[in-house]
Amino acid sequence: MTAIPLTFYLGLAALLFSIGLYGVMTHKSGIRIIMCIELMLNSANLNLVAFSSYTDTLNGQVFAIFSIALAAAEAAVGFAIFMAIYRMHDKINLDELNILRW
């Protein structure tokens, strides 16, 4: 059984990051933007785990677990903020909201 080359993992991670970046730049819904940011963070985690496996160390996997925990906290805080905005304005379209502007 042959191992999957590192370049395949890097290519998949680059594709996931590109999809996430496109979503962040084009979507107007706050929840979709958070989902795209999570996709970008998962592509970074894939890179960490791929390089960790390639170099036979656990450093990348430890950083990936730490990054997953931070991403979960970021998503929870982001969803809580969006729920509070939805309760006040009945919409989450970020282009139409101006509550954080001067």
PDB file of N, CA and C in Angstrom:
ATOM      1  N   MET A   1       0.845  -1.174   0.000  1.00  0.00           N
ATOM      2  CA  MET A   1       0.000   0.000   0.000  1.00  0.00           C
ATOM      3  C   MET A   1       0.893   1.241   0.000  1.00  0.00           C
ATOM      4  N   THR A   2       0.646   2.145  -0.912  1.00  0.00           N
ATOM      5  CA  THR A   2       1.469   3.347  -1.009  1.00  0.00           C
ATOM      6  C   THR A   2       0.806   4.505  -0.280  1.00  0.00           C
ATOM      7  N   ALA A   3       1.641   5.388   0.229  1.00  0.00           N
ATOM      8  CA  ALA A   3       1.143   6.557   0.940  1.00  0.00           C
ATOM      9  C   ALA A   3       0.767   7.648  -0.057  1.00  0.00           C
ATOM     10  N   ILE A   4      -0.156   8.471   0.332  1.00  0.00           N
ATOM     11  CA  ILE A   4      -0.558   9.595  -0.510  1.00  0.00           C
ATOM     12  C   ILE A   4       0.536  10.652  -0.434  1.00  0.00           C
ATOM     13  N   PRO A   5       0.981  11.167  -1.567  1.00  0.00           N
ATOM     14  CA  PRO A   5       2.053  12.173  -1.542  1.00  0.00           C
ATOM     15  C   PRO A   5       1.604  13.466  -0.856  1.00  0.00           C
ATOM     16  N   LEU A   6       2.577  14.183  -0.343  1.00  0.00           N
ATOM     17  CA  LEU A   6       2.313  15.432   0.369  1.00  0.00           C
ATOM     18  C   LEU A   6       1.677  16.469  -0.545  1.00  0.00           C
ATOM     19  N   THR A   7       2.027  16.460  -1.813  1.00  0.00           N
ATOM     20  CA  THR A   7       1.494  17.469  -2.737  1.00  0.00           C
ATOM     21  C   THR A   7      -0.019  17.344  -2.909  1.00  0.00           C
ATOM     22  N   PHE A   8      -0.563  16.142  -2.787  1.00  0.00           N
ATOM     23  CA  PHE A   8      -2.017  15.989  -2.876  1.00  0.00           C
ATOM     24  C   PHE A   8      -2.704  16.660  -1.697  1.00  0.00           C
ATOM     25  N   TYR A   9      -2.146  16.490  -0.503  1.00  0.00           N
ATOM     26  CA  TYR A   9      -2.709  17.159   0.676  1.00  0.00           C
ATOM     27  C   TYR A   9      -2.623  18.682   0.541  1.00  0.00           C
ATOM     28  N   LEU A  10      -1.479  19.148   0.045  1.00  0.00           N
ATOM     29  CA  LEU A  10      -1.305  20.593  -0.119  1.00  0.00           C
ATOM     30  C   LEU A  10      -2.242  21.141  -1.180  1.00  0.00           C
ATOM     31  N   GLY A  11      -2.458  20.394  -2.234  1.00  0.00           N
ATOM     32  CA  GLY A  11      -3.395  20.817  -3.271  1.00  0.00           C
ATOM     33  C   GLY A  11      -4.822  20.868  -2.768  1.00  0.00           C
ATOM     34  N   LEU A  12      -5.213  19.859  -1.992  1.00  0.00           N
ATOM     35  CA  LEU A  12      -6.556  19.847  -1.410  1.00  0.00           C
ATOM     36  C   LEU A  12      -6.731  21.005  -0.431  1.00  0.00           C
ATOM     37  N   ALA A  13      -5.726  21.271   0.374  1.00  0.00           N
ATOM     38  CA  ALA A  13      -5.793  22.384   1.317  1.00  0.00           C
ATOM     39  C   ALA A  13      -5.873  23.719   0.586  1.00  0.00           C
ATOM     40  N   ALA A  14      -5.127  23.859  -0.501  1.00  0.00           N
ATOM     41  CA  ALA A  14      -5.195  25.098  -1.281  1.00  0.00           C
ATOM     42  C   ALA A  14      -6.569  25.271  -1.918  1.00  0.00           C
ATOM     43  N   LEU A  15      -7.160  24.181  -2.386  1.00  0.00           N
ATOM     44  CA  LEU A  15      -8.504  24.242  -2.953  1.00  0.00           C
ATOM     45  C   LEU A  15      -9.531  24.634  -1.888  1.00  0.00           C
ATOM     46  N   LEU A  16      -9.457  24.027  -0.714  1.00  0.00           N
ATOM     47  CA  LEU A  16     -10.374  24.376   0.375  1.00  0.00           C
ATOM     48  C   LEU A  16     -10.209  25.831   0.799  1.00  0.00           C
ATOM     49  N   PHE A  17      -8.973  26.285   0.892  1.00  0.00           N
ATOM     50  CA  PHE A  17      -8.730  27.671   1.275  1.00  0.00           C
ATOM     51  C   PHE A  17      -9.274  28.628   0.218  1.00  0.00           C
ATOM     52  N   SER A  18      -9.109  28.283  -1.048  1.00  0.00           N
ATOM     53  CA  SER A  18      -9.610  29.139  -2.123  1.00  0.00           C
ATOM     54  C   SER A  18     -11.131  29.214  -2.109  1.00  0.00           C
ATOM     55  N   ILE A  19     -11.790  28.097  -1.863  1.00  0.00           N
ATOM     56  CA  ILE A  19     -13.251  28.100  -1.776  1.00  0.00           C
ATOM     57  C   ILE A  19     -13.706  28.958  -0.601  1.00  0.00           C
ATOM     58  N   GLY A  20     -13.042  28.816   0.530  1.00  0.00           N
ATOM     59  CA  GLY A  20     -13.386  29.623   1.694  1.00  0.00           C
ATOM     60  C   GLY A  20     -13.146  31.102   1.464  1.00  0.00           C
ATOM     61  N   LEU A  21     -12.037  31.446   0.830  1.00  0.00           N
ATOM     62  CA  LEU A  21     -11.736  32.844   0.546  1.00  0.00           C
ATOM     63  C   LEU A  21     -12.747  33.439  -0.426  1.00  0.00           C
ATOM     64  N   TYR A  22     -13.130  32.681  -1.436  1.00  0.00           N
ATOM     65  CA  TYR A  22     -14.155  33.138  -2.368  1.00  0.00           C
ATOM     66  C   TYR A  22     -15.474  33.376  -1.637  1.00  0.00           C
ATOM     67  N   GLY A  23     -15.816  32.477  -0.723  1.00  0.00           N
ATOM     68  CA  GLY A  23     -17.050  32.640   0.031  1.00  0.00           C
ATOM     69  C   GLY A  23     -17.033  33.858   0.937  1.00  0.00           C
ATOM     70  N   VAL A  24     -15.905  34.118   1.581  1.00  0.00           N
ATOM     71  CA  VAL A  24     -15.799  35.294   2.448  1.00  0.00           C
ATOM     72  C   VAL A  24     -15.929  36.570   1.628  1.00  0.00           C
ATOM     73  N   MET A  25     -15.365  36.567   0.431  1.00  0.00           N
ATOM     74  CA  MET A  25     -15.378  37.784  -0.381  1.00  0.00           C
ATOM     75  C   MET A  25     -16.713  38.026  -1.079  1.00  0.00           C
ATOM     76  N   THR A  26     -17.525  36.995  -1.314  1.00  0.00           N
ATOM     77  CA  THR A  26     -18.733  37.170  -2.105  1.00  0.00           C
ATOM     78  C   THR A  26     -20.031  37.108  -1.310  1.00  0.00           C
ATOM     79  N   HIS A  27     -20.069  36.394  -0.197  1.00  0.00           N
ATOM     80  CA  HIS A  27     -21.328  36.234   0.528  1.00  0.00           C
ATOM     81  C   HIS A  27     -21.618  37.440   1.402  1.00  0.00           C
ATOM     82  N   LYS A  28     -22.898  37.675   1.626  1.00  0.00           N
ATOM     83  CA  LYS A  28     -23.327  38.794   2.449  1.00  0.00           C
ATOM     84  C   LYS A  28     -23.926  38.337   3.775  1.00  0.00           C
ATOM     85  N   SER A  29     -24.258  37.083   3.878  1.00  0.00           N
ATOM     86  CA  SER A  29     -24.833  36.550   5.107  1.00  0.00           C
ATOM     87  C   SER A  29     -23.718  36.268   6.116  1.00  0.00           C
ATOM     88  N   GLY A  30     -23.924  36.705   7.347  1.00  0.00           N
ATOM     89  CA  GLY A  30     -22.909  36.527   8.374  1.00  0.00           C
ATOM     90  C   GLY A  30     -22.626  35.075   8.690  1.00  0.00           C
ATOM     91  N   ILE A  31     -23.648  34.245   8.665  1.00  0.00           N
ATOM     92  CA  ILE A  31     -23.457  32.830   8.982  1.00  0.00           C
ATOM     93  C   ILE A  31     -22.648  32.149   7.883  1.00  0.00           C
ATOM     94  N   ARG A  32     -22.912  32.482   6.644  1.00  0.00           N
ATOM     95  CA  ARG A  32     -22.114  31.906   5.551  1.00  0.00           C
ATOM     96  C   ARG A  32     -20.662  32.354   5.624  1.00  0.00           C
ATOM     97  N   ILE A  33     -20.439  33.597   6.023  1.00  0.00           N
ATOM     98  CA  ILE A  33     -19.068  34.088   6.142  1.00  0.00           C
ATOM     99  C   ILE A  33     -18.331  33.317   7.239  1.00  0.00           C
ATOM    100  N   ILE A  34     -18.986  33.075   8.364  1.00  0.00           N
ATOM    101  CA  ILE A  34     -18.347  32.298   9.434  1.00  0.00           C
ATOM    102  C   ILE A  34     -18.061  30.878   8.958  1.00  0.00           C
ATOM    103  N   MET A  35     -18.975  30.292   8.198  1.00  0.00           N
ATOM    104  CA  MET A  35     -18.731  28.943   7.685  1.00  0.00           C
ATOM    105  C   MET A  35     -17.542  28.922   6.739  1.00  0.00           C
ATOM    106  N   CYS A  36     -17.393  29.965   5.919  1.00  0.00           N
ATOM    107  CA  CYS A  36     -16.252  30.029   5.001  1.00  0.00           C
ATOM    108  C   CYS A  36     -14.945  30.240   5.758  1.00  0.00           C
ATOM    109  N   ILE A  37     -14.986  31.018   6.831  1.00  0.00           N
ATOM    110  CA  ILE A  37     -13.789  31.190   7.663  1.00  0.00           C
ATOM    111  C   ILE A  37     -13.402  29.857   8.301  1.00  0.00           C
ATOM    112  N   GLU A  38     -14.389  29.094   8.741  1.00  0.00           N
ATOM    113  CA  GLU A  38     -14.108  27.768   9.302  1.00  0.00           C
ATOM    114  C   GLU A  38     -13.492  26.855   8.248  1.00  0.00           C
ATOM    115  N   LEU A  39     -13.952  26.972   7.005  1.00  0.00           N
ATOM    116  CA  LEU A  39     -13.375  26.179   5.926  1.00  0.00           C
ATOM    117  C   LEU A  39     -11.911  26.542   5.703  1.00  0.00           C
ATOM    118  N   MET A  40     -11.600  27.830   5.781  1.00  0.00           N
ATOM    119  CA  MET A  40     -10.210  28.270   5.635  1.00  0.00           C
ATOM    120  C   MET A  40      -9.353  27.769   6.792  1.00  0.00           C
ATOM    121  N   LEU A  41      -9.884  27.796   8.015  1.00  0.00           N
ATOM    122  CA  LEU A  41      -9.130  27.276   9.155  1.00  0.00           C
ATOM    123  C   LEU A  41      -8.913  25.768   9.042  1.00  0.00           C
ATOM    124  N   ASN A  42      -9.903  25.056   8.512  1.00  0.00           N
ATOM    125  CA  ASN A  42      -9.739  23.612   8.331  1.00  0.00           C
ATOM    126  C   ASN A  42      -8.691  23.295   7.268  1.00  0.00           C
ATOM    127  N   SER A  43      -8.570  24.147   6.259  1.00  0.00           N
ATOM    128  CA  SER A  43      -7.509  23.911   5.277  1.00  0.00           C
ATOM    129  C   SER A  43      -6.133  24.118   5.909  1.00  0.00           C
ATOM    130  N   ALA A  44      -6.023  25.091   6.800  1.00  0.00           N
ATOM    131  CA  ALA A  44      -4.757  25.282   7.518  1.00  0.00           C
ATOM    132  C   ALA A  44      -4.468  24.078   8.418  1.00  0.00           C
ATOM    133  N   ASN A  45      -5.502  23.540   9.060  1.00  0.00           N
ATOM    134  CA  ASN A  45      -5.314  22.352   9.892  1.00  0.00           C
ATOM    135  C   ASN A  45      -4.876  21.155   9.054  1.00  0.00           C
ATOM    136  N   LEU A  46      -5.424  21.044   7.856  1.00  0.00           N
ATOM    137  CA  LEU A  46      -5.004  19.959   6.965  1.00  0.00           C
ATOM    138  C   LEU A  46      -3.528  20.086   6.615  1.00  0.00           C
ATOM    139  N   ASN A  47      -3.067  21.303   6.382  1.00  0.00           N
ATOM    140  CA  ASN A  47      -1.635  21.515   6.131  1.00  0.00           C
ATOM    141  C   ASN A  47      -0.798  21.131   7.340  1.00  0.00           C
ATOM    142  N   LEU A  48      -1.239  21.533   8.528  1.00  0.00           N
ATOM    143  CA  LEU A  48      -0.489  21.200   9.744  1.00  0.00           C
ATOM    144  C   LEU A  48      -0.366  19.690   9.925  1.00  0.00           C
ATOM    145  N   VAL A  49      -1.473  18.987   9.749  1.00  0.00           N
ATOM    146  CA  VAL A  49      -1.445  17.532   9.941  1.00  0.00           C
ATOM    147  C   VAL A  49      -0.648  16.852   8.834  1.00  0.00           C
ATOM    148  N   ALA A  50      -0.745  17.358   7.608  1.00  0.00           N
ATOM    149  CA  ALA A  50       0.009  16.750   6.505  1.00  0.00           C
ATOM    150  C   ALA A  50       1.513  16.892   6.731  1.00  0.00           C
ATOM    151  N   PHE A  51       1.961  18.090   7.112  1.00  0.00           N
ATOM    152  CA  PHE A  51       3.389  18.274   7.361  1.00  0.00           C
ATOM    153  C   PHE A  51       3.841  17.504   8.599  1.00  0.00           C
ATOM    154  N   SER A  52       2.962  17.377   9.583  1.00  0.00           N
ATOM    155  CA  SER A  52       3.295  16.600  10.764  1.00  0.00           C
ATOM    156  C   SER A  52       3.490  15.126  10.409  1.00  0.00           C
ATOM    157  N   SER A  53       2.633  14.617   9.555  1.00  0.00           N
ATOM    158  CA  SER A  53       2.769  13.235   9.119  1.00  0.00           C
ATOM    159  C   SER A  53       3.997  13.052   8.233  1.00  0.00           C
ATOM    160  N   TYR A  54       4.290  14.052   7.427  1.00  0.00           N
ATOM    161  CA  TYR A  54       5.435  13.979   6.515  1.00  0.00           C
ATOM    162  C   TYR A  54       6.757  13.981   7.271  1.00  0.00           C
ATOM    163  N   THR A  55       6.837  14.735   8.372  1.00  0.00           N
ATOM    164  CA  THR A  55       8.088  14.824   9.128  1.00  0.00           C
ATOM    165  C   THR A  55       8.140  13.862  10.318  1.00  0.00           C
ATOM    166  N   ASP A  56       7.106  13.055  10.504  1.00  0.00           N
ATOM    167  CA  ASP A  56       7.027  12.072  11.598  1.00  0.00           C
ATOM    168  C   ASP A  56       7.158  12.707  12.974  1.00  0.00           C
ATOM    169  N   THR A  57       6.523  13.874  13.155  1.00  0.00           N
ATOM    170  CA  THR A  57       6.451  14.510  14.472  1.00  0.00           C
ATOM    171  C   THR A  57       4.985  14.762  14.811  1.00  0.00           C
ATOM    172  N   LEU A  58       4.727  15.078  16.054  1.00  0.00           N
ATOM    173  CA  LEU A  58       3.364  15.357  16.485  1.00  0.00           C
ATOM    174  C   LEU A  58       3.093  16.845  16.654  1.00  0.00           C
ATOM    175  N   ASN A  59       4.051  17.689  16.343  1.00  0.00           N
ATOM    176  CA  ASN A  59       3.883  19.124  16.565  1.00  0.00           C
ATOM    177  C   ASN A  59       2.712  19.695  15.777  1.00  0.00           C
ATOM    178  N   GLY A  60       2.601  19.344  14.511  1.00  0.00           N
ATOM    179  CA  GLY A  60       1.521  19.856  13.685  1.00  0.00           C
ATOM    180  C   GLY A  60       0.155  19.390  14.155  1.00  0.00           C
ATOM    181  N   GLN A  61       0.073  18.167  14.640  1.00  0.00           N
ATOM    182  CA  GLN A  61      -1.203  17.648  15.122  1.00  0.00           C
ATOM    183  C   GLN A  61      -1.628  18.343  16.410  1.00  0.00           C
ATOM    184  N   VAL A  62      -0.664  18.664  17.257  1.00  0.00           N
ATOM    185  CA  VAL A  62      -0.984  19.389  18.489  1.00  0.00           C
ATOM    186  C   VAL A  62      -1.474  20.792  18.152  1.00  0.00           C
ATOM    187  N   PHE A  63      -0.800  21.460  17.224  1.00  0.00           N
ATOM    188  CA  PHE A  63      -1.257  22.787  16.807  1.00  0.00           C
ATOM    189  C   PHE A  63      -2.629  22.720  16.148  1.00  0.00           C
ATOM    190  N   ALA A  64      -2.902  21.652  15.401  1.00  0.00           N
ATOM    191  CA  ALA A  64      -4.206  21.505  14.749  1.00  0.00           C
ATOM    192  C   ALA A  64      -5.314  21.344  15.783  1.00  0.00           C
ATOM    193  N   ILE A  65      -5.066  20.575  16.834  1.00  0.00           N
ATOM    194  CA  ILE A  65      -6.073  20.423  17.886  1.00  0.00           C
ATOM    195  C   ILE A  65      -6.315  21.750  18.597  1.00  0.00           C
ATOM    196  N   PHE A  66      -5.249  22.492  18.848  1.00  0.00           N
ATOM    197  CA  PHE A  66      -5.387  23.816  19.455  1.00  0.00           C
ATOM    198  C   PHE A  66      -6.170  24.756  18.533  1.00  0.00           C
ATOM    199  N   SER A  67      -5.891  24.690  17.250  1.00  0.00           N
ATOM    200  CA  SER A  67      -6.587  25.529  16.282  1.00  0.00           C
ATOM    201  C   SER A  67      -8.069  25.156  16.180  1.00  0.00           C
ATOM    202  N   ILE A  68      -8.388  23.889  16.275  1.00  0.00           N
ATOM    203  CA  ILE A  68      -9.789  23.453  16.244  1.00  0.00           C
ATOM    204  C   ILE A  68     -10.536  23.986  17.460  1.00  0.00           C
ATOM    205  N   ALA A  69      -9.885  23.965  18.617  1.00  0.00           N
ATOM    206  CA  ALA A  69     -10.516  24.506  19.822  1.00  0.00           C
ATOM    207  C   ALA A  69     -10.755  26.008  19.693  1.00  0.00           C
ATOM    208  N   LEU A  70      -9.783  26.720  19.149  1.00  0.00           N
ATOM    209  CA  LEU A  70      -9.964  28.164  18.939  1.00  0.00           C
ATOM    210  C   LEU A  70     -11.048  28.450  17.909  1.00  0.00           C
ATOM    211  N   ALA A  71     -11.131  27.637  16.875  1.00  0.00           N
ATOM    212  CA  ALA A  71     -12.166  27.830  15.853  1.00  0.00           C
ATOM    213  C   ALA A  71     -13.558  27.584  16.427  1.00  0.00           C
ATOM    214  N   ALA A  72     -13.676  26.617  17.316  1.00  0.00           N
ATOM    215  CA  ALA A  72     -14.974  26.362  17.950  1.00  0.00           C
ATOM    216  C   ALA A  72     -15.390  27.543  18.817  1.00  0.00           C
ATOM    217  N   ALA A  73     -14.444  28.108  19.548  1.00  0.00           N
ATOM    218  CA  ALA A  73     -14.757  29.279  20.376  1.00  0.00           C
ATOM    219  C   ALA A  73     -15.114  30.472  19.499  1.00  0.00           C
ATOM    220  N   GLU A  74     -14.393  30.663  18.410  1.00  0.00           N
ATOM    221  CA  GLU A  74     -14.683  31.764  17.490  1.00  0.00           C
ATOM    222  C   GLU A  74     -16.066  31.613  16.876  1.00  0.00           C
ATOM    223  N   ALA A  75     -16.434  30.407  16.498  1.00  0.00           N
ATOM    224  CA  ALA A  75     -17.751  30.178  15.914  1.00  0.00           C
ATOM    225  C   ALA A  75     -18.858  30.421  16.937  1.00  0.00           C
ATOM    226  N   ALA A  76     -18.649  29.989  18.159  1.00  0.00           N
ATOM    227  CA  ALA A  76     -19.658  30.199  19.198  1.00  0.00           C
ATOM    228  C   ALA A  76     -19.880  31.682  19.470  1.00  0.00           C
ATOM    229  N   VAL A  77     -18.807  32.440  19.574  1.00  0.00           N
ATOM    230  CA  VAL A  77     -18.924  33.882  19.814  1.00  0.00           C
ATOM    231  C   VAL A  77     -19.553  34.567  18.606  1.00  0.00           C
ATOM    232  N   GLY A  78     -19.135  34.188  17.412  1.00  0.00           N
ATOM    233  CA  GLY A  78     -19.704  34.782  16.201  1.00  0.00           C
ATOM    234  C   GLY A  78     -21.181  34.501  16.059  1.00  0.00           C
ATOM    235  N   PHE A  79     -21.600  33.268  16.303  1.00  0.00           N
ATOM    236  CA  PHE A  79     -23.024  32.947  16.217  1.00  0.00           C
ATOM    237  C   PHE A  79     -23.825  33.669  17.288  1.00  0.00           C
ATOM    238  N   ALA A  80     -23.265  33.828  18.469  1.00  0.00           N
ATOM    239  CA  ALA A  80     -23.957  34.571  19.529  1.00  0.00           C
ATOM    240  C   ALA A  80     -24.136  36.037  19.138  1.00  0.00           C
ATOM    241  N   ILE A  81     -23.108  36.631  18.540  1.00  0.00           N
ATOM    242  CA  ILE A  81     -23.227  38.021  18.085  1.00  0.00           C
ATOM    243  C   ILE A  81     -24.271  38.132  16.989  1.00  0.00           C
ATOM    244  N   PHE A  82     -24.268  37.196  16.044  1.00  0.00           N
ATOM    245  CA  PHE A  82     -25.254  37.252  14.968  1.00  0.00           C
ATOM    246  C   PHE A  82     -26.671  37.029  15.472  1.00  0.00           C
ATOM    247  N   MET A  83     -26.833  36.189  16.475  1.00  0.00           N
ATOM    248  CA  MET A  83     -28.180  35.994  17.041  1.00  0.00           C
ATOM    249  C   MET A  83     -28.662  37.258  17.735  1.00  0.00           C
ATOM    250  N   ALA A  84     -27.764  37.949  18.418  1.00  0.00           N
ATOM    251  CA  ALA A  84     -28.146  39.211  19.058  1.00  0.00           C
ATOM    252  C   ALA A  84     -28.500  40.261  18.008  1.00  0.00           C
ATOM    253  N   ILE A  85     -27.751  40.326  16.919  1.00  0.00           N
ATOM    254  CA  ILE A  85     -28.061  41.266  15.837  1.00  0.00           C
ATOM    255  C   ILE A  85     -29.393  40.900  15.186  1.00  0.00           C
ATOM    256  N   TYR A  86     -29.641  39.617  15.004  1.00  0.00           N
ATOM    257  CA  TYR A  86     -30.903  39.184  14.398  1.00  0.00           C
ATOM    258  C   TYR A  86     -32.090  39.552  15.273  1.00  0.00           C
ATOM    259  N   ARG A  87     -31.936  39.433  16.579  1.00  0.00           N
ATOM    260  CA  ARG A  87     -33.032  39.799  17.478  1.00  0.00           C
ATOM    261  C   ARG A  87     -33.334  41.291  17.427  1.00  0.00           C
ATOM    262  N   MET A  88     -32.327  42.113  17.207  1.00  0.00           N
ATOM    263  CA  MET A  88     -32.545  43.566  17.163  1.00  0.00           C
ATOM    264  C   MET A  88     -33.051  44.040  15.801  1.00  0.00           C
ATOM    265  N   HIS A  89     -32.540  43.454  14.699  1.00  0.00           N
ATOM    266  CA  HIS A  89     -32.811  43.995  13.365  1.00  0.00           C
ATOM    267  C   HIS A  89     -33.567  43.046  12.450  1.00  0.00           C
ATOM    268  N   ASP A  90     -33.824  41.826  12.856  1.00  0.00           N
ATOM    269  CA  ASP A  90     -34.525  40.818  12.053  1.00  0.00           C
ATOM    270  C   ASP A  90     -33.835  40.515  10.720  1.00  0.00           C
ATOM    271  N   LYS A  91     -32.524  40.697  10.642  1.00  0.00           N
ATOM    272  CA  LYS A  91     -31.753  40.325   9.458  1.00  0.00           C
ATOM    273  C   LYS A  91     -30.287  40.170   9.861  1.00  0.00           C
ATOM    274  N   ILE A  92     -29.569  39.383   9.067  1.00  0.00           N
ATOM    275  CA  ILE A  92     -28.143  39.178   9.324  1.00  0.00           C
ATOM    276  C   ILE A  92     -27.340  39.558   8.088  1.00  0.00           C
ATOM    277  N   ASN A  93     -27.952  40.219   7.134  1.00  0.00           N
ATOM    278  CA  ASN A  93     -27.235  40.656   5.941  1.00  0.00           C
ATOM    279  C   ASN A  93     -26.257  41.754   6.338  1.00  0.00           C
ATOM    280  N   LEU A  94     -24.978  41.482   6.214  1.00  0.00           N
ATOM    281  CA  LEU A  94     -23.965  42.395   6.727  1.00  0.00           C
ATOM    282  C   LEU A  94     -23.845  43.683   5.918  1.00  0.00           C
ATOM    283  N   ASP A  95     -24.280  43.671   4.664  1.00  0.00           N
ATOM    284  CA  ASP A  95     -24.211  44.895   3.871  1.00  0.00           C
ATOM    285  C   ASP A  95     -25.263  45.917   4.316  1.00  0.00           C
ATOM    286  N   GLU A  96     -26.359  45.450   4.868  1.00  0.00           N
ATOM    287  CA  GLU A  96     -27.436  46.352   5.261  1.00  0.00           C
ATOM    288  C   GLU A  96     -27.318  46.819   6.713  1.00  0.00           C
ATOM    289  N   LEU A  97     -26.449  46.223   7.480  1.00  0.00           N
ATOM    290  CA  LEU A  97     -26.305  46.603   8.882  1.00  0.00           C
ATOM    291  C   LEU A  97     -25.244  47.682   9.032  1.00  0.00           C
ATOM    292  N   ASN A  98     -25.500  48.635   9.899  1.00  0.00           N
ATOM    293  CA  ASN A  98     -24.515  49.684  10.147  1.00  0.00           C
ATOM    294  C   ASN A  98     -24.423  50.000  11.638  1.00  0.00           C
ATOM    295  N   ILE A  99     -24.651  49.016  12.510  1.00  0.00           N
ATOM    296  CA  ILE A  99     -24.658  49.283  13.942  1.00  0.00           C
ATOM    297  C   ILE A  99     -23.253  49.480  14.505  1.00  0.00           C
ATOM    298  N   LEU A 100     -22.235  49.036  13.784  1.00  0.00           N
ATOM    299  CA  LEU A 100     -20.872  49.173  14.282  1.00  0.00           C
ATOM    300  C   LEU A 100     -20.149  50.370  13.676  1.00  0.00           C
ATOM    301  N   ARG A 101     -20.849  51.134  12.874  1.00  0.00           N
ATOM    302  CA  ARG A 101     -20.245  52.313  12.265  1.00  0.00           C
ATOM    303  C   ARG A 101     -20.469  53.509  13.160  1.00  0.00           C
ATOM    304  N   TRP A 102     -19.679  54.571  12.983  1.00  0.00           N
ATOM    305  CA  TRP A 102     -19.798  55.777  13.782  1.00  0.00           C
ATOM    306  C   TRP A 102     -20.991  56.553  13.378  1.00  0.00           C
TER     307      TRP A 102
END
